[in-house]
Amino acid sequence: MKTEREKQLTARQVANAARDLHINEAMDMVRAELEAAYKHFPVDFRSAHEGVAIIEEEFLEFRSAAYWPHKTKDDEAEEAVQLAAMSLRYLVDVCYKGAPR
């Protein structure tokens, strides 16, 4: 018979495994969105200002999806994925590749 500590540990392990699965799914969605963005818009961000403007636009769309009651969780997820993808693109194009500030 399992002790209370073993039951708690098992429940925590299950919760952590579920969280890890969701993280992996989310990262796969962000990667797919980022790859699609590079195919559709192959030119890197030309400057930090352009990157910030795009991220701001994505954030406003995400905020709208999160706050408005007529939007669904799927709408929120789609906008969150786009925001994350553009944030990663900023990291790559501006921070790593060195687009002008």
N, C-alpha and C. Protein backbone atom coordinates (compact mmCIF):
# COMPACT_ATOMS: atom_id res chain seq x y z
N MET A 1 0.84 -1.18 0.00
CA MET A 1 0.00 0.00 0.00
C MET A 1 0.89 1.25 0.00
N LYS A 2 0.47 2.27 -0.80
CA LYS A 2 1.26 3.49 -0.92
C LYS A 2 1.02 4.40 0.27
N THR A 3 2.10 5.05 0.68
CA THR A 3 1.97 6.04 1.73
C THR A 3 1.38 7.32 1.13
N GLU A 4 0.96 8.21 1.98
CA GLU A 4 0.41 9.50 1.52
C GLU A 4 1.47 10.26 0.72
N ARG A 5 2.69 10.20 1.15
CA ARG A 5 3.80 10.87 0.45
C ARG A 5 3.96 10.30 -0.96
N GLU A 6 3.89 9.00 -1.09
CA GLU A 6 4.02 8.35 -2.41
C GLU A 6 2.86 8.73 -3.32
N LYS A 7 1.66 8.83 -2.75
CA LYS A 7 0.49 9.25 -3.53
C LYS A 7 0.67 10.68 -4.03
N GLN A 8 1.16 11.56 -3.15
CA GLN A 8 1.38 12.95 -3.55
C GLN A 8 2.45 13.04 -4.62
N LEU A 9 3.51 12.28 -4.44
CA LEU A 9 4.59 12.29 -5.43
C LEU A 9 4.08 11.80 -6.77
N THR A 10 3.30 10.74 -6.77
CA THR A 10 2.75 10.22 -8.01
C THR A 10 1.84 11.25 -8.67
N ALA A 11 0.99 11.89 -7.91
CA ALA A 11 0.10 12.93 -8.46
C ALA A 11 0.91 14.07 -9.04
N ARG A 12 1.98 14.46 -8.37
CA ARG A 12 2.84 15.54 -8.87
C ARG A 12 3.53 15.11 -10.15
N GLN A 13 3.99 13.87 -10.21
CA GLN A 13 4.64 13.38 -11.42
C GLN A 13 3.67 13.36 -12.59
N VAL A 14 2.44 12.97 -12.34
CA VAL A 14 1.42 12.97 -13.39
C VAL A 14 1.16 14.39 -13.85
N ALA A 15 1.02 15.31 -12.91
CA ALA A 15 0.78 16.72 -13.26
C ALA A 15 1.96 17.28 -14.05
N ASN A 16 3.18 16.97 -13.65
CA ASN A 16 4.36 17.45 -14.37
C ASN A 16 4.44 16.86 -15.77
N ALA A 17 4.09 15.61 -15.92
CA ALA A 17 4.11 14.97 -17.24
C ALA A 17 3.07 15.63 -18.15
N ALA A 18 1.90 15.92 -17.61
CA ALA A 18 0.86 16.60 -18.39
C ALA A 18 1.32 17.99 -18.79
N ARG A 19 1.93 18.72 -17.86
CA ARG A 19 2.44 20.05 -18.16
C ARG A 19 3.50 19.99 -19.24
N ASP A 20 4.41 19.03 -19.13
CA ASP A 20 5.46 18.88 -20.14
C ASP A 20 4.87 18.58 -21.52
N LEU A 21 3.83 17.78 -21.56
CA LEU A 21 3.17 17.48 -22.82
C LEU A 21 2.58 18.74 -23.42
N HIS A 22 1.94 19.56 -22.59
CA HIS A 22 1.36 20.81 -23.09
C HIS A 22 2.44 21.78 -23.55
N ILE A 23 3.54 21.83 -22.84
CA ILE A 23 4.66 22.69 -23.25
C ILE A 23 5.18 22.24 -24.62
N ASN A 24 5.36 20.95 -24.79
CA ASN A 24 5.85 20.45 -26.08
C ASN A 24 4.88 20.75 -27.21
N GLU A 25 3.60 20.58 -26.96
CA GLU A 25 2.59 20.89 -27.98
C GLU A 25 2.63 22.38 -28.33
N ALA A 26 2.73 23.23 -27.30
CA ALA A 26 2.77 24.67 -27.52
C ALA A 26 4.01 25.06 -28.31
N MET A 27 5.15 24.49 -27.96
CA MET A 27 6.39 24.81 -28.67
C MET A 27 6.32 24.35 -30.13
N ASP A 28 5.70 23.21 -30.37
CA ASP A 28 5.52 22.74 -31.75
C ASP A 28 4.65 23.72 -32.54
N MET A 29 3.60 24.23 -31.91
CA MET A 29 2.72 25.19 -32.58
C MET A 29 3.47 26.49 -32.88
N VAL A 30 4.26 26.96 -31.93
CA VAL A 30 5.03 28.20 -32.12
C VAL A 30 6.07 28.01 -33.23
N ARG A 31 6.75 26.87 -33.23
CA ARG A 31 7.75 26.59 -34.27
C ARG A 31 7.09 26.57 -35.65
N ALA A 32 5.95 25.92 -35.76
CA ALA A 32 5.24 25.86 -37.05
C ALA A 32 4.82 27.27 -37.49
N GLU A 33 4.35 28.08 -36.56
CA GLU A 33 3.95 29.46 -36.90
C GLU A 33 5.17 30.27 -37.32
N LEU A 34 6.28 30.11 -36.63
CA LEU A 34 7.49 30.84 -36.97
C LEU A 34 8.00 30.44 -38.36
N GLU A 35 8.00 29.16 -38.64
CA GLU A 35 8.44 28.69 -39.96
C GLU A 35 7.52 29.21 -41.05
N ALA A 36 6.22 29.23 -40.79
CA ALA A 36 5.27 29.77 -41.77
C ALA A 36 5.50 31.26 -41.99
N ALA A 37 5.82 31.98 -40.92
CA ALA A 37 6.08 33.42 -41.04
C ALA A 37 7.33 33.67 -41.89
N TYR A 38 8.37 32.87 -41.69
CA TYR A 38 9.59 33.03 -42.49
C TYR A 38 9.34 32.70 -43.96
N LYS A 39 8.45 31.74 -44.23
CA LYS A 39 8.13 31.42 -45.63
C LYS A 39 7.31 32.53 -46.27
N HIS A 40 6.36 33.06 -45.51
CA HIS A 40 5.47 34.09 -46.06
C HIS A 40 6.16 35.45 -46.12
N PHE A 41 7.00 35.74 -45.14
CA PHE A 41 7.75 37.00 -45.07
C PHE A 41 9.23 36.66 -44.89
N PRO A 42 9.94 36.31 -45.98
CA PRO A 42 11.31 35.81 -45.84
C PRO A 42 12.34 36.86 -45.44
N VAL A 43 12.03 38.13 -45.59
CA VAL A 43 12.99 39.17 -45.22
C VAL A 43 12.99 39.34 -43.71
N ASP A 44 14.18 39.34 -43.12
CA ASP A 44 14.30 39.53 -41.68
C ASP A 44 13.75 40.90 -41.28
N PHE A 45 13.45 41.05 -39.98
CA PHE A 45 13.08 42.37 -39.47
C PHE A 45 14.20 43.33 -39.85
N ARG A 46 13.85 44.47 -40.40
CA ARG A 46 14.87 45.43 -40.86
C ARG A 46 15.46 46.24 -39.71
N SER A 47 14.74 46.28 -38.59
CA SER A 47 15.25 47.03 -37.44
C SER A 47 14.53 46.56 -36.18
N ALA A 48 15.07 46.94 -35.06
CA ALA A 48 14.41 46.65 -33.79
C ALA A 48 13.05 47.32 -33.75
N HIS A 49 12.96 48.53 -34.31
CA HIS A 49 11.69 49.26 -34.30
C HIS A 49 10.61 48.49 -35.06
N GLU A 50 10.96 47.93 -36.20
CA GLU A 50 9.99 47.15 -36.96
C GLU A 50 9.55 45.92 -36.16
N GLY A 51 10.51 45.24 -35.55
CA GLY A 51 10.18 44.07 -34.74
C GLY A 51 9.27 44.40 -33.58
N VAL A 52 9.56 45.49 -32.89
CA VAL A 52 8.72 45.91 -31.77
C VAL A 52 7.31 46.25 -32.25
N ALA A 53 7.20 46.91 -33.38
CA ALA A 53 5.88 47.26 -33.92
C ALA A 53 5.07 46.01 -34.24
N ILE A 54 5.71 45.01 -34.80
CA ILE A 54 5.01 43.77 -35.13
C ILE A 54 4.60 43.04 -33.86
N ILE A 55 5.49 42.99 -32.89
CA ILE A 55 5.16 42.35 -31.61
C ILE A 55 4.02 43.09 -30.93
N GLU A 56 4.04 44.42 -30.98
CA GLU A 56 2.97 45.20 -30.37
C GLU A 56 1.63 44.90 -31.04
N GLU A 57 1.63 44.82 -32.36
CA GLU A 57 0.41 44.49 -33.09
C GLU A 57 -0.12 43.11 -32.67
N GLU A 58 0.79 42.14 -32.59
CA GLU A 58 0.38 40.80 -32.17
C GLU A 58 -0.13 40.81 -30.73
N PHE A 59 0.51 41.60 -29.87
CA PHE A 59 0.05 41.68 -28.48
C PHE A 59 -1.36 42.26 -28.40
N LEU A 60 -1.61 43.31 -29.16
CA LEU A 60 -2.95 43.92 -29.14
C LEU A 60 -4.01 42.93 -29.63
N GLU A 61 -3.67 42.15 -30.65
CA GLU A 61 -4.60 41.13 -31.12
C GLU A 61 -4.82 40.05 -30.06
N PHE A 62 -3.75 39.66 -29.37
CA PHE A 62 -3.87 38.69 -28.29
C PHE A 62 -4.72 39.23 -27.15
N ARG A 63 -4.46 40.47 -26.77
CA ARG A 63 -5.23 41.08 -25.68
C ARG A 63 -6.71 41.15 -26.03
N SER A 64 -7.00 41.49 -27.26
CA SER A 64 -8.39 41.54 -27.70
C SER A 64 -9.04 40.16 -27.60
N ALA A 65 -8.32 39.14 -28.03
CA ALA A 65 -8.86 37.78 -27.97
C ALA A 65 -9.06 37.32 -26.52
N ALA A 66 -8.17 37.75 -25.64
CA ALA A 66 -8.25 37.33 -24.24
C ALA A 66 -9.34 38.05 -23.47
N TYR A 67 -9.62 39.31 -23.81
CA TYR A 67 -10.57 40.11 -23.04
C TYR A 67 -12.00 40.05 -23.53
N TRP A 68 -12.20 39.86 -24.81
CA TRP A 68 -13.56 39.95 -25.34
C TRP A 68 -14.28 38.63 -25.17
N PRO A 69 -15.50 38.69 -24.62
CA PRO A 69 -16.24 37.44 -24.33
C PRO A 69 -16.66 36.66 -25.57
N HIS A 70 -16.75 37.31 -26.72
CA HIS A 70 -17.16 36.59 -27.93
C HIS A 70 -16.02 35.79 -28.55
N LYS A 71 -14.82 35.95 -28.03
CA LYS A 71 -13.67 35.19 -28.53
C LYS A 71 -13.59 33.85 -27.79
N THR A 72 -13.06 32.85 -28.45
CA THR A 72 -12.95 31.52 -27.86
C THR A 72 -11.52 31.27 -27.37
N LYS A 73 -11.36 30.16 -26.64
CA LYS A 73 -10.02 29.76 -26.21
C LYS A 73 -9.14 29.47 -27.42
N ASP A 74 -9.73 28.97 -28.50
CA ASP A 74 -8.96 28.74 -29.73
C ASP A 74 -8.44 30.06 -30.29
N ASP A 75 -9.27 31.12 -30.24
CA ASP A 75 -8.82 32.45 -30.69
C ASP A 75 -7.65 32.92 -29.84
N GLU A 76 -7.78 32.75 -28.51
CA GLU A 76 -6.70 33.15 -27.60
C GLU A 76 -5.42 32.38 -27.91
N ALA A 77 -5.56 31.08 -28.09
CA ALA A 77 -4.39 30.24 -28.36
C ALA A 77 -3.72 30.65 -29.66
N GLU A 78 -4.52 30.89 -30.69
CA GLU A 78 -3.95 31.30 -31.99
C GLU A 78 -3.17 32.59 -31.85
N GLU A 79 -3.73 33.56 -31.15
CA GLU A 79 -3.04 34.84 -30.98
C GLU A 79 -1.81 34.70 -30.08
N ALA A 80 -1.90 33.86 -29.06
CA ALA A 80 -0.74 33.64 -28.18
C ALA A 80 0.41 33.00 -28.96
N VAL A 81 0.08 32.06 -29.82
CA VAL A 81 1.09 31.40 -30.65
C VAL A 81 1.74 32.42 -31.59
N GLN A 82 0.94 33.28 -32.21
CA GLN A 82 1.49 34.29 -33.11
C GLN A 82 2.38 35.28 -32.36
N LEU A 83 1.97 35.66 -31.15
CA LEU A 83 2.78 36.57 -30.34
C LEU A 83 4.11 35.91 -29.98
N ALA A 84 4.06 34.66 -29.57
CA ALA A 84 5.29 33.94 -29.21
C ALA A 84 6.21 33.79 -30.42
N ALA A 85 5.63 33.48 -31.57
CA ALA A 85 6.43 33.29 -32.78
C ALA A 85 7.13 34.58 -33.18
N MET A 86 6.43 35.70 -33.11
CA MET A 86 7.05 36.97 -33.48
C MET A 86 8.08 37.41 -32.44
N SER A 87 7.88 37.04 -31.19
CA SER A 87 8.89 37.32 -30.17
C SER A 87 10.16 36.52 -30.45
N LEU A 88 10.00 35.26 -30.83
CA LEU A 88 11.17 34.45 -31.21
C LEU A 88 11.84 35.01 -32.46
N ARG A 89 11.03 35.47 -33.41
CA ARG A 89 11.61 36.04 -34.63
C ARG A 89 12.43 37.28 -34.29
N TYR A 90 11.95 38.09 -33.37
CA TYR A 90 12.71 39.26 -32.92
C TYR A 90 14.04 38.81 -32.33
N LEU A 91 13.98 37.79 -31.48
CA LEU A 91 15.20 37.27 -30.86
C LEU A 91 16.21 36.85 -31.91
N VAL A 92 15.74 36.15 -32.95
CA VAL A 92 16.63 35.67 -34.01
C VAL A 92 17.11 36.82 -34.89
N ASP A 93 16.15 37.60 -35.44
CA ASP A 93 16.50 38.62 -36.44
C ASP A 93 17.24 39.81 -35.85
N VAL A 94 16.84 40.24 -34.68
CA VAL A 94 17.42 41.45 -34.10
C VAL A 94 18.56 41.13 -33.14
N CYS A 95 18.30 40.23 -32.20
CA CYS A 95 19.30 39.97 -31.17
C CYS A 95 20.45 39.10 -31.66
N TYR A 96 20.15 38.07 -32.45
CA TYR A 96 21.21 37.16 -32.89
C TYR A 96 21.83 37.58 -34.21
N LYS A 97 21.00 37.96 -35.18
CA LYS A 97 21.54 38.33 -36.50
C LYS A 97 22.00 39.77 -36.55
N GLY A 98 21.53 40.58 -35.62
CA GLY A 98 22.04 41.95 -35.51
C GLY A 98 21.38 42.97 -36.39
N ALA A 99 20.04 42.89 -36.57
CA ALA A 99 19.36 43.95 -37.31
C ALA A 99 19.61 45.29 -36.62
N PRO A 100 19.63 46.38 -37.38
CA PRO A 100 19.89 47.69 -36.77
C PRO A 100 18.88 48.02 -35.67
N ARG A 101 19.33 48.77 -34.73
CA ARG A 101 18.45 49.21 -33.65
C ARG A 101 17.77 50.45 -34.13
